[in-house]
Protein backbone atom coordinates (compact mmCIF):
# COMPACT_ATOMS: atom_id res chain seq x y z
CA MET A 1 216.86 -26.12 149.52
CA LEU A 2 217.92 -28.97 151.65
CA LEU A 3 216.60 -29.23 155.26
CA GLN A 4 217.09 -31.17 158.32
CA GLY A 5 214.41 -31.55 160.64
CA VAL A 6 213.87 -33.08 164.45
CA ALA A 7 210.53 -34.55 165.41
CA TRP A 8 209.45 -35.33 169.37
CA ILE A 9 207.20 -38.12 169.43
CA ASP A 10 205.07 -38.68 172.30
CA ALA A 11 205.94 -42.47 173.11
CA ALA A 12 202.77 -43.63 174.86
CA SER A 13 200.55 -41.79 172.14
CA PHE A 14 202.52 -41.77 168.81
CA GLN A 15 201.44 -37.93 168.76
CA ILE A 16 203.77 -35.50 167.15
CA LEU A 17 204.34 -32.87 170.16
CA GLN A 18 207.19 -30.91 168.21
CA ILE A 19 209.05 -30.12 164.99
CA ARG A 20 212.11 -28.69 164.04
CA SER A 21 213.59 -27.85 160.87
CA ASP A 22 216.79 -25.89 159.77
CA ILE A 23 218.35 -25.26 156.19
CA LEU A 24 221.69 -27.05 155.49
CA THR A 25 223.53 -24.37 153.78
CA PRO A 26 222.89 -20.95 153.57
CA HIS A 27 221.80 -19.56 150.22
CA PRO A 28 223.86 -16.34 149.17
CA GLN A 29 222.13 -15.66 146.01
CA VAL A 30 218.84 -14.59 148.19
CA GLY A 31 221.37 -13.63 151.00
CA LEU A 32 219.77 -16.69 153.77
CA GLU A 33 222.31 -17.58 156.05
CA GLU A 34 219.84 -19.30 158.75
CA LEU A 35 216.45 -20.57 158.78
CA THR A 36 215.02 -22.24 161.56
CA THR A 37 211.07 -23.35 162.15
CA LYS A 38 209.67 -24.77 165.42
CA VAL A 39 206.56 -25.64 165.43
CA ARG A 40 205.04 -27.14 168.85
CA PHE A 41 201.42 -28.89 168.58
CA SER A 42 198.45 -29.43 171.44
CA GLN A 43 195.26 -31.54 171.55
CA VAL A 44 192.49 -29.57 170.62
CA ARG A 45 188.72 -30.28 171.00
CA LEU A 46 186.40 -28.75 168.20
CA PRO A 47 183.10 -27.31 169.56
CA ASP A 48 181.22 -29.99 167.79
CA GLY A 49 182.86 -32.51 169.92
CA GLY A 50 184.46 -35.07 167.33
CA VAL A 51 187.69 -36.47 168.30
CA PRO A 52 190.23 -34.66 169.63
CA LEU A 53 192.87 -33.30 167.07
CA TRP A 54 196.90 -32.47 167.43
CA LEU A 55 196.93 -29.13 165.78
CA PRO A 56 199.54 -26.62 165.96
CA ARG A 57 199.76 -24.48 168.71
CA ASP A 58 202.78 -21.59 168.01
CA ALA A 59 205.30 -21.73 165.27
CA ASN A 60 208.38 -19.60 165.51
CA VAL A 61 210.29 -18.77 162.68
CA GLN A 62 213.69 -17.35 162.93
CA VAL A 63 215.77 -16.18 159.88
CA LYS A 64 219.36 -14.48 159.41
CA LEU A 65 219.94 -12.76 156.51
CA SER A 66 223.40 -10.79 155.01
CA LYS A 67 224.45 -9.63 151.64
CA VAL A 68 221.17 -9.14 149.09
CA LEU A 69 221.98 -7.51 145.89
CA ASP A 70 225.41 -6.41 146.82
CA LEU A 71 224.35 -4.74 150.06
CA THR A 72 225.97 -6.11 153.10
CA PHE A 73 224.31 -6.24 156.04
CA GLN A 74 223.19 -8.39 158.37
CA ALA A 75 219.54 -8.74 159.66
CA SER A 76 217.84 -10.88 161.99
CA PHE A 77 213.95 -11.79 162.21
CA GLN A 78 211.94 -13.72 164.38
CA ASN A 79 208.33 -14.62 163.66
CA LEU A 80 206.18 -16.14 166.30
CA HIS A 81 202.65 -17.26 165.66
CA ARG A 82 200.04 -18.73 168.03
CA TYR A 83 196.82 -20.56 166.85
CA LYS A 84 193.95 -20.70 169.13
CA ASN A 85 189.89 -20.93 168.85
CA TYR A 86 190.06 -23.24 166.22
CA ARG A 87 186.72 -24.07 164.27
CA PRO A 88 185.34 -26.88 162.18
CA TYR A 89 185.24 -25.90 158.30
CA ARG A 90 182.70 -28.13 156.17
CA VAL A 91 182.65 -28.23 152.46
CA SER A 92 180.78 -30.27 149.90
CA ALA A 93 181.32 -30.79 146.29
CA ARG A 94 180.17 -32.45 143.06
CA ILE A 95 181.29 -33.43 140.00
CA VAL A 96 179.82 -32.24 137.16
CA ALA A 97 180.54 -34.25 133.77
CA PRO A 98 181.75 -32.05 130.99
CA GLN A 99 179.06 -30.96 128.27
């Protein structure tokens, strides 16, 4: 699947503010006519007081379908995902030599 995208970047801080991607051609074998994804980012400060991070604020996915399994129809869907209350996740690991 070939995609084309655009990124909006803050000129002063070089932070990614938004990304948009679209499929370049329809995929009739699965009935996919259009697919557009937009992700907006914002600065997030985690509760542990570390360095602020730029994380997704929301993602909007729009899909247009038609003709799947010899059934002709058209349907459009939109999913909006909102992100909030980020928390740090810590993990530790160790390498164990094979026996």
